[in-house]
N, C-alpha and C. Protein backbone atom coordinates (compact mmCIF):
# COMPACT_ATOMS: atom_id res chain seq x y z
N MET A 1 21.48 42.20 27.67
CA MET A 1 20.22 41.62 28.49
C MET A 1 20.81 40.68 29.57
N LYS A 2 20.44 40.99 30.66
CA LYS A 2 20.82 39.87 31.80
C LYS A 2 19.40 39.21 32.41
N LEU A 3 19.36 37.86 32.43
CA LEU A 3 18.38 37.23 32.96
C LEU A 3 18.54 37.01 34.28
N LYS A 4 17.17 37.52 35.28
CA LYS A 4 17.34 37.03 36.63
C LYS A 4 17.55 35.79 37.07
N HIS A 5 16.90 35.04 36.10
CA HIS A 5 16.70 33.47 36.45
C HIS A 5 18.11 32.55 36.28
N THR A 6 18.73 33.31 35.37
CA THR A 6 20.01 32.32 35.02
C THR A 6 21.20 33.20 35.49
N GLY A 7 21.07 34.35 35.49
CA GLY A 7 22.45 35.15 35.93
C GLY A 7 23.28 35.51 35.00
N LYS A 8 23.10 35.01 33.88
CA LYS A 8 23.83 35.26 32.54
C LYS A 8 23.48 36.28 31.54
N THR A 9 24.53 36.90 31.14
CA THR A 9 24.22 38.16 30.20
C THR A 9 24.52 37.70 28.79
N TYR A 10 23.29 38.41 27.85
CA TYR A 10 23.45 38.02 26.63
C TYR A 10 23.46 39.35 25.77
N THR A 11 24.19 39.31 24.81
CA THR A 11 24.32 40.41 23.82
C THR A 11 23.25 40.57 22.88
N THR A 12 22.32 41.75 22.84
CA THR A 12 21.51 41.85 21.86
C THR A 12 21.69 43.38 21.06
N GLN A 13 20.80 43.30 20.01
CA GLN A 13 20.96 44.70 19.17
C GLN A 13 19.63 44.87 18.88
N PRO A 14 18.74 45.54 19.83
CA PRO A 14 17.18 45.64 19.58
C PRO A 14 17.10 46.87 18.63
N ALA A 15 16.00 46.63 17.94
CA ALA A 15 15.32 47.56 16.98
C ALA A 15 14.54 48.47 17.53
N ILE A 16 14.13 49.31 17.55
CA ILE A 16 12.96 50.12 18.09
C ILE A 16 12.21 50.52 16.81
N ILE A 17 10.89 50.20 16.84
CA ILE A 17 10.14 50.25 15.57
C ILE A 17 8.80 51.09 16.04
N ARG A 18 8.57 52.28 15.48
CA ARG A 18 7.59 53.10 15.89
C ARG A 18 6.14 52.31 15.66
N GLY A 19 5.30 52.27 16.55
CA GLY A 19 4.03 51.59 16.52
C GLY A 19 3.96 50.16 17.09
N ARG A 20 5.19 49.73 17.13
CA ARG A 20 5.16 48.38 17.44
C ARG A 20 4.50 48.04 18.78
N HIS A 21 3.92 46.91 18.93
CA HIS A 21 3.07 46.59 20.00
C HIS A 21 3.99 46.27 21.44
N SER A 22 5.02 45.89 21.31
CA SER A 22 5.73 45.26 22.44
C SER A 22 7.13 46.19 22.57
N ALA A 23 7.33 46.32 23.66
CA ALA A 23 8.67 47.26 24.04
C ALA A 23 10.00 46.45 23.61
N PHE A 24 10.05 45.11 23.59
CA PHE A 24 11.16 44.43 23.30
C PHE A 24 10.63 43.14 22.67
N ASN A 25 11.08 42.74 21.66
CA ASN A 25 10.75 41.67 20.95
C ASN A 25 11.86 40.63 20.52
N LEU A 26 11.93 39.57 20.92
CA LEU A 26 12.98 38.61 20.62
C LEU A 26 12.49 37.67 19.32
N SER A 27 13.25 37.93 18.13
CA SER A 27 12.87 37.15 16.95
C SER A 27 13.06 35.65 17.07
N GLY A 28 12.38 34.94 16.58
CA GLY A 28 12.45 33.57 16.42
C GLY A 28 13.78 33.11 15.91
N SER A 29 14.31 33.81 14.87
CA SER A 29 15.71 33.45 14.48
C SER A 29 16.83 33.59 15.57
N TRP A 30 16.66 34.96 16.63
CA TRP A 30 17.49 35.02 17.55
C TRP A 30 17.47 33.95 18.64
N LEU A 31 16.11 33.54 18.83
CA LEU A 31 15.98 32.53 20.09
C LEU A 31 16.88 31.06 19.46
N LYS A 32 16.55 30.90 18.37
CA LYS A 32 16.99 29.72 17.88
C LYS A 32 18.74 29.53 17.81
N THR A 33 19.04 30.75 17.42
CA THR A 33 20.58 31.08 17.57
C THR A 33 21.22 30.66 19.01
N MET A 34 20.37 31.26 19.96
CA MET A 34 20.71 31.28 21.40
C MET A 34 20.30 29.85 22.02
N GLY A 35 19.59 28.88 21.38
CA GLY A 35 19.23 27.72 21.88
C GLY A 35 18.06 27.89 22.66
N TRP A 36 17.15 29.10 22.78
CA TRP A 36 16.04 28.99 23.34
C TRP A 36 14.93 28.56 22.65
N ASP A 37 13.90 28.25 23.66
CA ASP A 37 12.64 27.87 23.36
C ASP A 37 11.48 28.78 24.04
N ASP A 38 10.65 29.12 22.91
CA ASP A 38 9.57 30.11 23.36
C ASP A 38 8.24 29.21 23.58
N LEU A 39 7.83 28.72 24.77
CA LEU A 39 6.75 27.98 25.01
C LEU A 39 5.62 28.85 25.39
N HIS A 40 4.86 29.26 24.26
CA HIS A 40 3.57 30.05 24.49
C HIS A 40 2.87 29.48 25.23
N SER A 41 2.58 28.12 25.36
CA SER A 41 1.35 27.58 26.11
C SER A 41 1.93 27.62 27.69
N GLN A 42 2.95 27.97 27.89
CA GLN A 42 3.36 27.93 29.41
C GLN A 42 3.74 29.46 29.60
N GLY A 43 3.99 30.52 28.84
CA GLY A 43 4.02 31.70 28.97
C GLY A 43 5.47 32.04 29.65
N CYS A 44 6.24 31.07 29.13
CA CYS A 44 7.88 31.20 29.23
C CYS A 44 8.73 31.05 28.39
N LEU A 45 10.03 31.22 28.44
CA LEU A 45 11.21 30.96 27.57
C LEU A 45 11.82 29.91 28.36
N MET A 46 12.39 28.68 27.56
CA MET A 46 13.22 27.77 28.27
C MET A 46 14.40 28.05 27.75
N VAL A 47 15.48 28.37 28.75
CA VAL A 47 16.81 28.95 28.76
C VAL A 47 17.64 27.82 29.43
N ASN A 48 18.64 27.45 28.87
CA ASN A 48 19.39 26.30 29.16
C ASN A 48 18.70 25.34 30.38
N GLY A 49 17.67 24.83 29.99
CA GLY A 49 16.73 24.04 30.73
C GLY A 49 15.99 24.53 31.96
N GLN A 50 16.08 25.81 31.81
CA GLN A 50 15.24 26.70 32.88
C GLN A 50 14.32 27.34 32.52
N PRO A 51 12.95 27.30 32.99
CA PRO A 51 11.87 27.98 32.60
C PRO A 51 12.02 29.53 33.14
N VAL A 52 11.96 30.39 32.12
CA VAL A 52 12.01 32.08 32.55
C VAL A 52 10.93 32.61 32.13
N PRO A 53 10.02 32.59 33.22
CA PRO A 53 8.39 33.61 33.01
C PRO A 53 8.58 34.98 32.07
N LEU A 54 7.68 35.04 31.34
CA LEU A 54 7.53 36.20 30.54
C LEU A 54 6.50 37.03 31.25
N VAL A 55 6.74 38.33 31.47
CA VAL A 55 5.90 39.29 31.98
C VAL A 55 5.25 40.07 30.98
N HIS A 56 3.97 40.39 31.17
CA HIS A 56 3.14 41.11 29.97
C HIS A 56 2.56 42.20 30.81
N HIS A 57 3.05 43.40 30.50
CA HIS A 57 2.34 44.53 31.02
C HIS A 57 1.38 45.20 30.44
N ALA A 58 0.32 45.80 31.04
CA ALA A 58 -0.92 46.31 30.44
C ALA A 58 -0.28 47.50 30.13
N ALA A 59 -0.91 48.14 28.84
CA ALA A 59 -0.71 49.42 28.26
C ALA A 59 -0.88 50.68 29.51
N ALA A 60 0.00 51.58 29.54
CA ALA A 60 0.11 52.54 30.54
C ALA A 60 -1.25 53.25 30.68
N ALA A 61 -2.10 53.64 31.76
CA ALA A 61 -3.42 54.02 31.69
C ALA A 61 -3.20 55.60 31.83
N THR A 62 -2.05 56.10 32.00
CA THR A 62 -1.84 57.48 31.98
C THR A 62 -1.32 57.94 30.45
N GLN A 63 -2.08 58.90 29.67
CA GLN A 63 -1.58 59.30 28.65
C GLN A 63 -1.22 60.79 28.96
N VAL A 64 -0.15 61.25 28.12
CA VAL A 64 0.59 62.45 28.40
C VAL A 64 0.56 63.29 27.06
N SER A 65 0.41 64.48 26.96
CA SER A 65 0.47 65.07 25.82
C SER A 65 1.79 65.67 25.31
N GLU A 66 2.80 65.72 26.31
CA GLU A 66 4.15 66.23 25.95
C GLU A 66 5.26 65.68 26.56
N VAL A 67 6.29 65.26 26.20
CA VAL A 67 7.56 64.79 26.83
C VAL A 67 8.69 65.57 26.24
N TYR A 68 9.64 65.90 26.96
CA TYR A 68 10.73 66.71 26.85
C TYR A 68 12.05 65.84 26.92
N VAL A 69 13.17 65.89 26.31
CA VAL A 69 14.42 65.45 26.83
C VAL A 69 15.29 66.42 27.30
N ILE A 70 15.73 65.90 28.59
CA ILE A 70 16.37 66.84 29.48
C ILE A 70 17.67 67.24 28.55
N SER A 71 18.37 66.64 27.88
CA SER A 71 19.67 67.23 27.25
C SER A 71 19.72 66.70 25.87
N LYS A 72 20.38 67.21 24.98
CA LYS A 72 20.25 66.89 23.43
C LYS A 72 21.31 65.33 23.52
N VAL A 73 20.50 64.50 22.64
CA VAL A 73 21.21 63.05 22.88
C VAL A 73 21.29 62.80 21.22
N THR A 74 22.09 62.21 20.91
CA THR A 74 22.35 61.70 19.42
C THR A 74 22.57 60.19 19.81
N ILE A 75 21.79 59.22 19.09
CA ILE A 75 21.86 57.82 19.27
C ILE A 75 22.15 57.34 17.76
N ALA A 76 23.01 56.83 17.73
CA ALA A 76 23.57 56.30 16.58
C ALA A 76 22.75 55.05 16.01
N PRO A 77 22.57 54.76 14.61
CA PRO A 77 21.77 53.76 14.30
C PRO A 77 22.36 52.70 14.87
N ARG A 78 21.38 51.62 15.08
CA ARG A 78 21.59 50.26 15.41
C ARG A 78 22.27 50.17 16.78
N THR A 79 21.89 51.10 17.84
CA THR A 79 22.52 51.31 18.72
C THR A 79 21.29 51.62 19.88
N GLY A 80 21.78 51.59 21.22
CA GLY A 80 20.47 51.94 22.07
C GLY A 80 21.24 52.84 23.34
N GLN A 81 20.25 53.67 23.89
CA GLN A 81 20.81 54.31 25.21
C GLN A 81 19.43 55.00 25.87
N ALA A 82 19.97 55.02 26.97
CA ALA A 82 18.90 55.53 28.01
C ALA A 82 18.70 56.92 27.81
N VAL A 83 17.53 57.53 27.93
CA VAL A 83 17.34 58.92 27.55
C VAL A 83 16.52 59.32 28.77
N ARG A 84 16.71 60.53 29.37
CA ARG A 84 16.11 61.17 30.55
C ARG A 84 15.06 62.20 30.02
N VAL A 85 13.94 61.95 30.47
CA VAL A 85 12.73 62.87 30.18
C VAL A 85 12.20 63.70 31.03
N VAL A 86 11.36 64.60 30.81
CA VAL A 86 10.69 65.18 31.67
C VAL A 86 9.29 65.08 30.94
N ILE A 87 8.16 64.69 32.10
CA ILE A 87 6.66 64.87 31.47
C ILE A 87 5.90 65.84 32.40
N PRO A 88 5.72 66.86 31.81
CA PRO A 88 4.96 67.81 32.89
C PRO A 88 3.68 67.60 33.14
N ASP A 89 2.93 66.70 32.44
CA ASP A 89 1.60 66.35 32.75
C ASP A 89 1.40 65.62 34.08
N ILE A 90 2.57 64.90 34.51
CA ILE A 90 2.39 63.88 35.50
C ILE A 90 3.07 64.50 36.84
């Protein structure tokens, strides 16, 4: 993960949890290990003394019935990968 505000790259191992309300979640223990502070009252993370605003996206207004993966993809456990898809409804 690279933060635009600091220019620094951080190693993460995100887990995707079906039904989770957020697309990307930073656990409190990971934040503590990195020395970051989650300032809920200000809507930002404090990283190396710099505030990094958190962006909250509204849920997608468009619902689709089907999504197709363009090619066969195997994603190993505890890894991540971008997957190209086709959404015929859009």
